[in-house]
C-alpha atoms as a PDB file:
ATOM      1  CA  MET A   1      -1.466   6.553   0.734  1.00  0.00           C
ATOM      2  CA  ALA A   2      -1.520   2.803   0.169  1.00  0.00           C
ATOM      3  CA  ASP A   3       0.295   2.037   3.433  1.00  0.00           C
ATOM      4  CA  SER A   4      -1.885   2.718   6.474  1.00  0.00           C
ATOM      5  CA  ALA A   5       1.178   2.184   8.712  1.00  0.00           C
ATOM      6  CA  ASP A   6       2.934   5.185   7.163  1.00  0.00           C
ATOM      7  CA  PRO A   7       2.978   8.118   9.614  1.00  0.00           C
ATOM      8  CA  LEU A   8       1.717  10.513   6.909  1.00  0.00           C
ATOM      9  CA  HIS A   9      -1.003   8.179   5.610  1.00  0.00           C
ATOM     10  CA  SER A  10      -4.015  10.060   7.029  1.00  0.00           C
ATOM     11  CA  THR A  11      -2.622  13.506   6.296  1.00  0.00           C
ATOM     12  CA  THR A  12      -1.837  12.586   2.702  1.00  0.00           C
ATOM     13  CA  GLN A  13      -5.249  11.009   2.190  1.00  0.00           C
ATOM     14  CA  ARG A  14      -6.926  14.182   3.492  1.00  0.00           C
ATOM     15  CA  GLU A  15      -4.916  16.297   1.027  1.00  0.00           C
ATOM     16  CA  ARG A  16      -5.811  13.973  -1.858  1.00  0.00           C
ATOM     17  CA  ASP A  17      -9.486  14.028  -0.910  1.00  0.00           C
ATOM     18  CA  ALA A  18      -9.454  17.844  -0.656  1.00  0.00           C
ATOM     19  CA  CYS A  19      -7.917  18.057  -4.134  1.00  0.00           C
ATOM     20  CA  LEU A  20     -10.565  15.747  -5.541  1.00  0.00           C
ATOM     21  CA  ARG A  21     -13.410  17.617  -3.788  1.00  0.00           C
ATOM     22  CA  SER A  22     -12.140  20.836  -5.384  1.00  0.00           C
ATOM     23  CA  GLY A  23     -12.598  19.229  -8.806  1.00  0.00           C
ATOM     24  CA  ALA A  24      -8.907  18.702  -9.505  1.00  0.00           C
ATOM     25  CA  THR A  25      -7.601  15.937 -11.702  1.00  0.00           C
ATOM     26  CA  LEU A  26      -4.535  14.139 -10.387  1.00  0.00           C
ATOM     27  CA  VAL A  27      -1.718  14.016 -12.929  1.00  0.00           C
ATOM     28  CA  THR A  28       0.957  11.341 -12.769  1.00  0.00           C
ATOM     29  CA  THR A  29       3.493   9.740 -15.059  1.00  0.00           C
ATOM     30  CA  ASP A  30       4.488   6.276 -16.133  1.00  0.00           C
ATOM     31  CA  TYR A  31       7.743   6.704 -14.173  1.00  0.00           C
ATOM     32  CA  VAL A  32       5.860   7.500 -10.939  1.00  0.00           C
ATOM     33  CA  MET A  33       3.559   4.550 -11.609  1.00  0.00           C
ATOM     34  CA  ASP A  34       6.606   2.292 -11.939  1.00  0.00           C
ATOM     35  CA  GLU A  35       8.117   3.483  -8.658  1.00  0.00           C
ATOM     36  CA  THR A  36       4.806   3.368  -6.792  1.00  0.00           C
ATOM     37  CA  LEU A  37       3.733  -0.051  -8.015  1.00  0.00           C
ATOM     38  CA  THR A  38       7.144  -1.512  -7.156  1.00  0.00           C
ATOM     39  CA  LEU A  39       7.248   0.125  -3.712  1.00  0.00           C
ATOM     40  CA  ILE A  40       3.773  -1.126  -2.810  1.00  0.00           C
ATOM     41  CA  ARG A  41       4.671  -4.646  -3.886  1.00  0.00           C
ATOM     42  CA  MET A  42       7.881  -4.633  -1.847  1.00  0.00           C
ATOM     43  CA  ARG A  43       6.277  -3.155   1.285  1.00  0.00           C
ATOM     44  CA  LEU A  44       2.759  -4.564   1.202  1.00  0.00           C
ATOM     45  CA  GLY A  45       2.736  -7.450  -1.268  1.00  0.00           C
ATOM     46  CA  LEU A  46       1.466  -8.254  -4.725  1.00  0.00           C
ATOM     47  CA  ARG A  47      -2.237  -8.152  -3.770  1.00  0.00           C
ATOM     48  CA  ALA A  48      -1.895  -4.587  -2.433  1.00  0.00           C
ATOM     49  CA  ALA A  49      -0.084  -3.574  -5.630  1.00  0.00           C
ATOM     50  CA  ALA A  50      -2.875  -5.076  -7.732  1.00  0.00           C
ATOM     51  CA  ASP A  51      -5.523  -3.304  -5.644  1.00  0.00           C
ATOM     52  CA  TRP A  52      -3.702   0.031  -6.065  1.00  0.00           C
ATOM     53  CA  TRP A  53      -3.403  -0.509  -9.804  1.00  0.00           C
ATOM     54  CA  ASP A  54      -7.095  -1.361 -10.143  1.00  0.00           C
ATOM     55  CA  GLN A  55      -8.113   1.748  -8.199  1.00  0.00           C
ATOM     56  CA  VAL A  56      -5.913   4.109 -10.208  1.00  0.00           C
ATOM     57  CA  GLU A  57      -6.723   2.484 -13.538  1.00  0.00           C
ATOM     58  CA  ALA A  58     -10.474   2.781 -12.907  1.00  0.00           C
ATOM     59  CA  SER A  59     -10.343   6.437 -11.847  1.00  0.00           C
ATOM     60  CA  SER A  60     -11.558   9.097 -14.227  1.00  0.00           C
ATOM     61  CA  ARG A  61      -9.769  11.631 -12.001  1.00  0.00           C
ATOM     62  CA  VAL A  62      -6.244  10.419 -12.804  1.00  0.00           C
ATOM     63  CA  ARG A  63      -4.516  11.697 -15.915  1.00  0.00           C
ATOM     64  CA  TRP A  64      -1.506   9.775 -17.204  1.00  0.00           C
ATOM     65  CA  GLU A  65       1.416  11.568 -18.801  1.00  0.00           C
ATOM     66  CA  TRP A  66       4.072   9.493 -20.534  1.00  0.00           C
ATOM     67  CA  ILE A  67       7.769  10.213 -20.589  1.00  0.00           C
ATOM     68  CA  ASP A  68       8.752  10.271 -24.233  1.00  0.00           C
ATOM     69  CA  PRO A  69      12.320  10.802 -25.516  1.00  0.00           C
ATOM     70  CA  LEU A  70      11.988  14.610 -25.489  1.00  0.00           C
ATOM     71  CA  ARG A  71      10.795  14.681 -21.878  1.00  0.00           C
ATOM     72  CA  ALA A  72      13.482  12.181 -20.898  1.00  0.00           C
ATOM     73  CA  GLU A  73      16.134  14.456 -22.420  1.00  0.00           C
ATOM     74  CA  LYS A  74      14.800  17.478 -20.523  1.00  0.00           C
ATOM     75  CA  ALA A  75      14.791  15.402 -17.315  1.00  0.00           C
ATOM     76  CA  ARG A  76      18.361  14.290 -17.984  1.00  0.00           C
ATOM     77  CA  ARG A  77      19.472  17.907 -18.244  1.00  0.00           C
ATOM     78  CA  TRP A  78      17.651  18.802 -15.022  1.00  0.00           C
ATOM     79  CA  PHE A  79      19.160  15.752 -13.269  1.00  0.00           C
ATOM     80  CA  PHE A  80      22.748  16.740 -14.090  1.00  0.00           C
ATOM     81  CA  GLU A  81      22.269  20.499 -13.741  1.00  0.00           C
ATOM     82  CA  TRP A  82      21.499  20.444 -10.015  1.00  0.00           C
ATOM     83  CA  GLU A  83      24.736  19.132  -8.518  1.00  0.00           C
ATOM     84  CA  ASP A  84      23.793  20.300  -5.009  1.00  0.00           C
ATOM     85  CA  LYS A  85      20.487  18.336  -4.999  1.00  0.00           C
ATOM     86  CA  ARG A  86      19.808  14.627  -4.729  1.00  0.00           C
ATOM     87  CA  PHE A  87      16.895  14.522  -7.168  1.00  0.00           C
ATOM     88  CA  SER A  88      16.071  11.094  -8.562  1.00  0.00           C
ATOM     89  CA  PHE A  89      15.647  10.817 -12.304  1.00  0.00           C
ATOM     90  CA  THR A  90      11.957  10.093 -11.690  1.00  0.00           C
ATOM     91  CA  ASP A  91      11.721  13.348  -9.699  1.00  0.00           C
ATOM     92  CA  CYS A  92      13.183  15.171 -12.687  1.00  0.00           C
ATOM     93  CA  THR A  93      10.685  13.611 -15.100  1.00  0.00           C
ATOM     94  CA  SER A  94       7.895  14.832 -12.809  1.00  0.00           C
ATOM     95  CA  PHE A  95       9.412  18.327 -12.687  1.00  0.00           C
ATOM     96  CA  VAL A  96       9.500  18.447 -16.489  1.00  0.00           C
ATOM     97  CA  VAL A  97       5.855  17.410 -16.828  1.00  0.00           C
ATOM     98  CA  MET A  98       4.783  19.808 -14.086  1.00  0.00           C
ATOM     99  CA  LYS A  99       6.591  22.711 -15.776  1.00  0.00           C
ATOM    100  CA  GLU A 100       5.089  21.834 -19.175  1.00  0.00           C
ATOM    101  CA  LEU A 101       1.555  21.643 -17.760  1.00  0.00           C
ATOM    102  CA  ASN A 102       1.999  24.617 -15.419  1.00  0.00           C
ATOM    103  CA  ILE A 103       1.308  22.497 -12.329  1.00  0.00           C
ATOM    104  CA  ARG A 104       2.584  24.191  -9.161  1.00  0.00           C
ATOM    105  CA  ARG A 105       1.430  21.762  -6.442  1.00  0.00           C
ATOM    106  CA  ALA A 106       2.567  18.180  -5.912  1.00  0.00           C
ATOM    107  CA  LEU A 107       0.745  15.623  -3.785  1.00  0.00           C
ATOM    108  CA  THR A 108       3.859  14.004  -2.358  1.00  0.00           C
ATOM    109  CA  THR A 109       5.896  13.501   0.777  1.00  0.00           C
ATOM    110  CA  ASP A 110       9.095  13.797  -1.284  1.00  0.00           C
ATOM    111  CA  ARG A 111      10.993  16.842   0.003  1.00  0.00           C
ATOM    112  CA  HIS A 112      12.686  17.328  -3.356  1.00  0.00           C
ATOM    113  CA  PHE A 113       9.612  18.999  -4.845  1.00  0.00           C
ATOM    114  CA  PRO A 114       9.849  22.166  -2.719  1.00  0.00           C
ATOM    115  CA  GLN A 115      13.596  22.242  -3.455  1.00  0.00           C
ATOM    116  CA  ALA A 116      12.679  22.358  -7.148  1.00  0.00           C
ATOM    117  CA  GLY A 117      10.232  25.222  -6.573  1.00  0.00           C
ATOM    118  CA  PHE A 118       6.922  23.370  -6.279  1.00  0.00           C
ATOM    119  CA  GLU A 119       4.402  23.501  -3.446  1.00  0.00           C
ATOM    120  CA  GLN A 120       4.259  20.226  -1.534  1.00  0.00           C
ATOM    121  CA  LEU A 121       0.965  18.785  -0.308  1.00  0.00           C
ATOM    122  CA  PRO A 122       0.897  17.897   2.489  1.00  0.00           C
ATOM    123  CA  ALA A 123       3.418  20.436   3.748  1.00  0.00           C
ATOM    124  CA  VAL A 124       5.991  18.245   5.497  1.00  0.00           C
ATOM    125  CA  PRO A 125       8.160  20.009   8.088  1.00  0.00           C
END
């Protein structure tokens, strides 16, 4: 959503806005924050990363979940259990949190989420 040159930028923004209009709170983790902040800096520069951080940090509609040792251990098991998938460790930490919190939908363009049994928003063919 931070990169207007991304082909899915508008579609993803519409999905996010629809979630927010419905009253949903967006849940993310410190691992996703790490990946996102780094990716934005590498693609768009430090100023864009700072702007993203300020926006997310100021939002009352974003809930942070932290990956503690217990969650990391569950993610490690998930990571090594699925030999036929190419899940990142960060994906697995998200799966653990989503299972714990009974979250079924993920606002992501990462095709690993449907492979793990979650609904992907936007639906990417």
